[in-house]
């Protein structure tokens, strides 16, 4: 049986450590949940299309995707979408009306995780 190694990119490892630290220090279970989702193998990490975001997010909420956002569909809401990765075209479509940011940026802007919905 092979040994589980976890995420191999240093960027992702640092993000997971940062999320766990913020979750424990500020007692915000959202960040611990996102860290656990990002620790999963790449083949089962979440991939979300824009049409799913369009249907799932309400006005005034921030969507967080612990994985990658893909460009299938349209997104025309003025919401913030945070994700580990974006496809180039998905990021462009989101930035036309809303704002696409990284999970690290969201952690700095909203450390308590208020009005954040996990999608995927």
N, C-alpha and C. Protein backbone atom coordinates (compact mmCIF):
# COMPACT_ATOMS: atom_id res chain seq x y z
N UNK A 1 0.84 -1.17 0.00
CA UNK A 1 0.00 0.00 0.00
C UNK A 1 0.89 1.24 0.00
N UNK A 2 0.56 2.20 -0.84
CA UNK A 2 1.39 3.39 -0.95
C UNK A 2 1.09 4.38 0.18
N UNK A 3 2.07 5.18 0.47
CA UNK A 3 1.96 6.16 1.53
C UNK A 3 1.29 7.42 0.99
N UNK A 4 0.34 7.94 1.72
CA UNK A 4 -0.35 9.16 1.32
C UNK A 4 0.59 10.34 1.54
N UNK A 5 0.75 11.15 0.50
CA UNK A 5 1.71 12.25 0.58
C UNK A 5 1.07 13.61 0.76
N UNK A 6 -0.18 13.78 0.38
CA UNK A 6 -0.83 15.08 0.49
C UNK A 6 -0.49 15.98 -0.68
N UNK A 7 -0.91 17.25 -0.61
CA UNK A 7 -0.65 18.20 -1.69
C UNK A 7 0.85 18.38 -1.92
N UNK A 8 1.23 18.41 -3.18
CA UNK A 8 2.65 18.49 -3.49
C UNK A 8 3.15 19.90 -3.75
N UNK A 9 2.28 20.84 -4.08
CA UNK A 9 2.75 22.19 -4.36
C UNK A 9 2.94 22.96 -3.06
N UNK A 10 4.01 23.68 -2.99
CA UNK A 10 4.33 24.45 -1.79
C UNK A 10 3.28 25.52 -1.53
N UNK A 11 2.77 26.12 -2.60
CA UNK A 11 1.73 27.14 -2.48
C UNK A 11 0.50 26.60 -1.78
N UNK A 12 0.06 25.41 -2.19
CA UNK A 12 -1.12 24.79 -1.60
C UNK A 12 -0.85 24.37 -0.16
N UNK A 13 0.31 23.84 0.12
CA UNK A 13 0.66 23.45 1.48
C UNK A 13 0.62 24.65 2.41
N UNK A 14 1.17 25.78 1.96
CA UNK A 14 1.16 27.00 2.77
C UNK A 14 -0.25 27.53 2.99
N UNK A 15 -1.10 27.45 1.96
CA UNK A 15 -2.48 27.88 2.09
C UNK A 15 -3.22 27.04 3.12
N UNK A 16 -3.02 25.74 3.10
CA UNK A 16 -3.68 24.84 4.04
C UNK A 16 -3.25 25.15 5.47
N UNK A 17 -1.96 25.37 5.68
CA UNK A 17 -1.45 25.71 7.01
C UNK A 17 -2.06 27.03 7.49
N UNK A 18 -2.12 28.01 6.59
CA UNK A 18 -2.68 29.32 6.92
C UNK A 18 -4.17 29.22 7.28
N UNK A 19 -4.92 28.41 6.53
CA UNK A 19 -6.34 28.23 6.81
C UNK A 19 -6.57 27.53 8.15
N UNK A 20 -5.78 26.50 8.44
CA UNK A 20 -5.92 25.79 9.71
C UNK A 20 -5.59 26.71 10.89
N UNK A 21 -4.55 27.51 10.73
CA UNK A 21 -4.15 28.44 11.79
C UNK A 21 -5.27 29.45 12.05
N UNK A 22 -5.81 30.03 10.99
CA UNK A 22 -6.90 31.01 11.14
C UNK A 22 -8.14 30.36 11.75
N UNK A 23 -8.44 29.14 11.34
CA UNK A 23 -9.61 28.44 11.87
C UNK A 23 -9.49 28.17 13.36
N UNK A 24 -8.31 27.77 13.79
CA UNK A 24 -8.10 27.47 15.22
C UNK A 24 -8.05 28.75 16.06
N UNK A 25 -7.29 29.74 15.60
CA UNK A 25 -7.11 30.96 16.39
C UNK A 25 -8.40 31.76 16.52
N UNK A 26 -9.15 31.86 15.43
CA UNK A 26 -10.35 32.69 15.44
C UNK A 26 -11.62 31.88 15.67
N UNK A 27 -11.46 30.56 15.84
CA UNK A 27 -12.59 29.65 16.07
C UNK A 27 -13.65 29.77 14.97
N UNK A 28 -13.16 29.69 13.71
CA UNK A 28 -14.04 29.75 12.55
C UNK A 28 -13.97 28.39 11.84
N UNK A 29 -14.98 27.54 12.00
CA UNK A 29 -14.92 26.21 11.39
C UNK A 29 -14.91 26.22 9.86
N UNK A 30 -15.33 27.31 9.25
CA UNK A 30 -15.32 27.42 7.79
C UNK A 30 -13.91 27.20 7.24
N UNK A 31 -12.92 27.85 7.85
CA UNK A 31 -11.55 27.75 7.34
C UNK A 31 -10.98 26.35 7.54
N UNK A 32 -11.37 25.68 8.62
CA UNK A 32 -10.92 24.30 8.83
C UNK A 32 -11.54 23.38 7.78
N UNK A 33 -12.79 23.62 7.43
CA UNK A 33 -13.47 22.82 6.41
C UNK A 33 -12.82 23.02 5.03
N UNK A 34 -12.50 24.25 4.69
CA UNK A 34 -11.85 24.53 3.41
C UNK A 34 -10.47 23.88 3.37
N UNK A 35 -9.73 23.94 4.46
CA UNK A 35 -8.41 23.31 4.53
C UNK A 35 -8.52 21.80 4.32
N UNK A 36 -9.51 21.19 4.95
CA UNK A 36 -9.71 19.74 4.79
C UNK A 36 -10.07 19.39 3.34
N UNK A 37 -10.88 20.22 2.71
CA UNK A 37 -11.25 19.98 1.31
C UNK A 37 -10.06 20.12 0.38
N UNK A 38 -9.18 21.07 0.66
CA UNK A 38 -8.00 21.28 -0.19
C UNK A 38 -6.94 20.20 0.02
N UNK A 39 -6.98 19.51 1.14
CA UNK A 39 -6.03 18.43 1.39
C UNK A 39 -6.36 17.16 0.62
N UNK A 40 -7.55 17.08 0.09
CA UNK A 40 -7.97 15.89 -0.65
C UNK A 40 -7.15 15.73 -1.93
N UNK A 41 -7.10 14.53 -2.46
CA UNK A 41 -6.36 14.32 -3.71
C UNK A 41 -6.94 15.17 -4.85
N UNK A 42 -6.08 15.55 -5.79
CA UNK A 42 -6.48 16.43 -6.89
C UNK A 42 -7.62 15.82 -7.71
N UNK A 43 -7.61 14.52 -7.89
CA UNK A 43 -8.62 13.89 -8.75
C UNK A 43 -10.03 13.95 -8.16
N UNK A 44 -10.15 14.18 -6.85
CA UNK A 44 -11.49 14.30 -6.26
C UNK A 44 -11.75 15.68 -5.68
N UNK A 45 -10.85 16.63 -5.97
CA UNK A 45 -11.07 18.02 -5.54
C UNK A 45 -12.19 18.61 -6.39
N UNK A 46 -12.88 19.58 -5.87
CA UNK A 46 -14.07 20.13 -6.54
C UNK A 46 -13.73 20.94 -7.78
N UNK A 47 -14.55 20.77 -8.80
CA UNK A 47 -14.52 21.60 -10.00
C UNK A 47 -15.94 22.08 -10.23
N UNK A 48 -16.11 23.39 -10.32
CA UNK A 48 -17.44 23.99 -10.41
C UNK A 48 -17.51 24.86 -11.65
N UNK A 49 -18.58 24.71 -12.41
CA UNK A 49 -18.82 25.55 -13.59
C UNK A 49 -19.56 26.82 -13.19
N UNK A 50 -19.49 27.83 -14.05
CA UNK A 50 -20.11 29.11 -13.75
C UNK A 50 -21.63 29.02 -13.61
N UNK A 51 -22.26 28.15 -14.39
CA UNK A 51 -23.72 28.05 -14.27
C UNK A 51 -24.13 27.55 -12.89
N UNK A 52 -23.31 26.74 -12.25
CA UNK A 52 -23.60 26.28 -10.89
C UNK A 52 -23.47 27.44 -9.90
N UNK A 53 -22.45 28.27 -10.09
CA UNK A 53 -22.31 29.45 -9.25
C UNK A 53 -23.49 30.40 -9.43
N UNK A 54 -23.90 30.58 -10.68
CA UNK A 54 -25.02 31.47 -10.99
C UNK A 54 -26.29 31.02 -10.26
N UNK A 55 -26.53 29.72 -10.21
CA UNK A 55 -27.74 29.19 -9.57
C UNK A 55 -27.64 29.18 -8.04
N UNK A 56 -26.44 29.01 -7.49
CA UNK A 56 -26.29 28.74 -6.06
C UNK A 56 -26.06 29.95 -5.18
N UNK A 57 -25.53 31.03 -5.74
CA UNK A 57 -25.13 32.17 -4.92
C UNK A 57 -26.22 33.23 -4.91
N UNK A 58 -26.53 33.73 -3.72
CA UNK A 58 -27.49 34.82 -3.58
C UNK A 58 -26.76 36.15 -3.57
N UNK A 59 -27.48 37.22 -3.81
CA UNK A 59 -26.88 38.56 -3.79
C UNK A 59 -26.33 38.86 -2.39
N UNK A 60 -25.17 39.47 -2.34
CA UNK A 60 -24.56 39.83 -1.07
C UNK A 60 -23.71 38.74 -0.45
N UNK A 61 -23.73 37.54 -1.02
CA UNK A 61 -22.94 36.45 -0.49
C UNK A 61 -21.61 36.36 -1.23
N UNK A 62 -20.67 35.72 -0.58
CA UNK A 62 -19.40 35.40 -1.21
C UNK A 62 -19.36 33.90 -1.42
N UNK A 63 -19.02 33.49 -2.62
CA UNK A 63 -18.91 32.06 -2.94
C UNK A 63 -17.47 31.64 -2.80
N UNK A 64 -17.25 30.47 -2.20
CA UNK A 64 -15.90 29.94 -2.09
C UNK A 64 -15.88 28.53 -2.67
N UNK A 65 -14.92 28.27 -3.54
CA UNK A 65 -14.79 26.97 -4.19
C UNK A 65 -13.43 26.39 -3.81
N UNK A 66 -13.42 25.33 -3.00
CA UNK A 66 -12.13 24.72 -2.63
C UNK A 66 -11.64 23.80 -3.75
N UNK A 67 -11.36 24.39 -4.87
CA UNK A 67 -10.94 23.66 -6.07
C UNK A 67 -10.83 24.64 -7.21
N UNK A 68 -11.32 24.24 -8.38
CA UNK A 68 -11.17 25.05 -9.58
C UNK A 68 -12.53 25.48 -10.13
N UNK A 69 -12.60 26.72 -10.62
CA UNK A 69 -13.80 27.24 -11.27
C UNK A 69 -13.57 27.15 -12.77
N UNK A 70 -14.52 26.51 -13.46
CA UNK A 70 -14.46 26.32 -14.91
C UNK A 70 -15.45 27.26 -15.59
N UNK A 71 -15.31 27.46 -16.89
CA UNK A 71 -16.02 28.55 -17.57
C UNK A 71 -17.33 28.19 -18.25
N UNK A 72 -17.85 27.02 -18.08
CA UNK A 72 -19.09 26.64 -18.74
C UNK A 72 -20.27 27.40 -18.14
N UNK A 73 -20.95 28.17 -18.95
CA UNK A 73 -22.09 28.95 -18.49
C UNK A 73 -21.75 30.42 -18.38
N UNK A 74 -22.69 31.16 -17.84
CA UNK A 74 -22.53 32.61 -17.66
C UNK A 74 -22.62 32.94 -16.18
N UNK A 75 -22.01 34.05 -15.81
CA UNK A 75 -22.09 34.55 -14.44
C UNK A 75 -22.30 36.04 -14.52
N UNK A 76 -23.49 36.51 -14.11
CA UNK A 76 -23.77 37.93 -14.20
C UNK A 76 -24.33 38.48 -12.89
N UNK A 77 -23.75 38.06 -11.79
CA UNK A 77 -24.10 38.60 -10.48
C UNK A 77 -22.92 39.42 -9.97
N UNK A 78 -23.20 40.35 -9.07
CA UNK A 78 -22.15 41.21 -8.54
C UNK A 78 -21.60 40.63 -7.23
N UNK A 79 -21.24 39.39 -7.26
CA UNK A 79 -20.73 38.71 -6.08
C UNK A 79 -19.22 38.52 -6.17
N UNK A 80 -18.63 38.24 -5.03
CA UNK A 80 -17.22 37.87 -4.97
C UNK A 80 -17.15 36.35 -5.02
N UNK A 81 -16.26 35.84 -5.87
CA UNK A 81 -16.04 34.40 -5.97
C UNK A 81 -14.58 34.13 -5.63
N UNK A 82 -14.37 33.33 -4.59
CA UNK A 82 -13.01 32.96 -4.17
C UNK A 82 -12.80 31.49 -4.50
N UNK A 83 -11.63 31.16 -5.02
CA UNK A 83 -11.32 29.78 -5.36
C UNK A 83 -9.82 29.56 -5.30
N UNK A 84 -9.44 28.27 -5.24
CA UNK A 84 -8.02 27.94 -5.29
C UNK A 84 -7.46 28.24 -6.67
N UNK A 85 -8.22 27.87 -7.73
CA UNK A 85 -7.80 28.13 -9.10
C UNK A 85 -9.00 28.53 -9.95
N UNK A 86 -8.74 29.30 -11.00
CA UNK A 86 -9.74 29.68 -11.99
C UNK A 86 -9.19 29.34 -13.37
N UNK A 87 -10.07 28.92 -14.27
CA UNK A 87 -9.63 28.87 -15.66
C UNK A 87 -9.60 30.33 -16.14
N UNK A 88 -8.79 30.60 -17.16
CA UNK A 88 -8.65 31.99 -17.64
C UNK A 88 -9.98 32.59 -18.07
N UNK A 89 -10.75 31.83 -18.83
CA UNK A 89 -12.02 32.37 -19.32
C UNK A 89 -13.04 32.53 -18.19
N UNK A 90 -13.01 31.66 -17.20
CA UNK A 90 -13.94 31.78 -16.06
C UNK A 90 -13.62 33.05 -15.27
N UNK A 91 -12.35 33.30 -15.06
CA UNK A 91 -11.95 34.50 -14.32
C UNK A 91 -12.38 35.76 -15.06
N UNK A 92 -12.25 35.75 -16.38
CA UNK A 92 -12.68 36.89 -17.18
C UNK A 92 -14.18 37.12 -17.11
N UNK A 93 -14.95 36.04 -17.19
CA UNK A 93 -16.41 36.16 -17.12
C UNK A 93 -16.87 36.66 -15.75
N UNK A 94 -16.23 36.19 -14.70
CA UNK A 94 -16.61 36.63 -13.34
C UNK A 94 -16.27 38.10 -13.15
N UNK A 95 -15.09 38.52 -13.62
CA UNK A 95 -14.65 39.89 -13.41
C UNK A 95 -15.44 40.91 -14.22
N UNK A 96 -16.25 40.48 -15.20
CA UNK A 96 -17.10 41.43 -15.94
C UNK A 96 -18.14 42.06 -15.02
N UNK A 97 -18.73 41.27 -14.13
CA UNK A 97 -19.76 41.81 -13.25
C UNK A 97 -19.39 41.71 -11.77
N UNK A 98 -18.73 40.64 -11.39
CA UNK A 98 -18.35 40.43 -9.99
C UNK A 98 -16.86 40.58 -9.79
N UNK A 99 -16.32 39.77 -8.89
CA UNK A 99 -14.89 39.83 -8.62
C UNK A 99 -14.38 38.44 -8.29
N UNK A 100 -13.32 38.03 -8.98
CA UNK A 100 -12.68 36.73 -8.73
C UNK A 100 -11.42 36.95 -7.91
N UNK A 101 -11.34 36.30 -6.73
CA UNK A 101 -10.18 36.46 -5.86
C UNK A 101 -9.70 35.09 -5.40
N UNK A 102 -8.52 35.05 -4.84
CA UNK A 102 -8.00 33.79 -4.30
C UNK A 102 -8.54 33.58 -2.89
N UNK A 103 -8.39 32.37 -2.40
CA UNK A 103 -8.86 32.05 -1.05
C UNK A 103 -8.04 32.84 -0.02
N UNK A 104 -6.76 33.05 -0.28
CA UNK A 104 -5.91 33.82 0.63
C UNK A 104 -6.40 35.26 0.76
N UNK A 105 -6.81 35.85 -0.36
CA UNK A 105 -7.34 37.22 -0.32
C UNK A 105 -8.62 37.27 0.50
N UNK A 106 -9.49 36.28 0.33
CA UNK A 106 -10.73 36.23 1.09
C UNK A 106 -10.44 36.08 2.57
N UNK A 107 -9.48 35.27 2.92
CA UNK A 107 -9.10 35.07 4.32
C UNK A 107 -8.65 36.38 4.94
N UNK A 108 -7.93 37.20 4.19
CA UNK A 108 -7.48 38.50 4.70
C UNK A 108 -8.62 39.51 4.78
N UNK A 109 -9.52 39.50 3.79
CA UNK A 109 -10.63 40.46 3.76
C UNK A 109 -11.73 40.11 4.74
N UNK A 110 -11.99 38.83 4.93
CA UNK A 110 -13.11 38.37 5.74
C UNK A 110 -12.65 37.26 6.69
N UNK A 111 -11.86 37.60 7.71
CA UNK A 111 -11.30 36.55 8.58
C UNK A 111 -12.35 35.78 9.38
N UNK A 112 -13.50 36.36 9.61
CA UNK A 112 -14.56 35.65 10.35
C UNK A 112 -15.42 34.78 9.45
N UNK A 113 -15.29 34.93 8.14
CA UNK A 113 -16.04 34.10 7.21
C UNK A 113 -17.53 34.42 7.17
N UNK A 114 -17.90 35.68 7.34
CA UNK A 114 -19.30 36.08 7.33
C UNK A 114 -19.86 36.06 5.91
N UNK A 115 -21.06 35.55 5.76
CA UNK A 115 -21.79 35.50 4.49
C UNK A 115 -20.97 34.82 3.38
N UNK A 116 -20.40 33.67 3.71
CA UNK A 116 -19.62 32.90 2.76
C UNK A 116 -20.32 31.56 2.56
N UNK A 117 -20.49 31.18 1.31
CA UNK A 117 -21.14 29.91 0.97
C UNK A 117 -20.15 29.03 0.21
N UNK A 118 -19.98 27.80 0.69
CA UNK A 118 -19.13 26.83 0.01
C UNK A 118 -19.92 26.23 -1.15
N UNK A 119 -19.32 26.24 -2.33
CA UNK A 119 -19.99 25.73 -3.53
C UNK A 119 -19.21 24.53 -4.04
N UNK A 120 -19.94 23.51 -4.44
CA UNK A 120 -19.28 22.36 -5.05
C UNK A 120 -19.58 21.06 -4.40
